[in-house]
Amino acid sequence: MTSTSSDELDLTAALRGLLALQAAERNERLGNADPRRTEVILADAGLSAVAIATVTGKKPDTVRKSIERARKKPAEGASDG
């Protein structure tokens, strides 16, 4: 029996909500001590900057810049000269 009613859970919205809670908890728990930012982890998991912005409450441009900066950091310090 298949039914669609207004009280059914939208799985996409539910997953976004759970992801947002996890991201918020992680940020609160780790503060800025973790070199691998939440935005980078979510991007590496395949989420777009817009999706990451949705779950973190940030602007997409802010997310893009944050990811870009985080990915540049290891490369800058990796020169063995």
Foldseek 3Di string as FASTA:
>chain_A
DDDDDPPDDDVVVVVLQVLLVVLVVVCVVCPPVDLCHPLLVVVVVPDQLPSVCSSPVHDSVVSVVVNVVSVVVVVVPPDDD
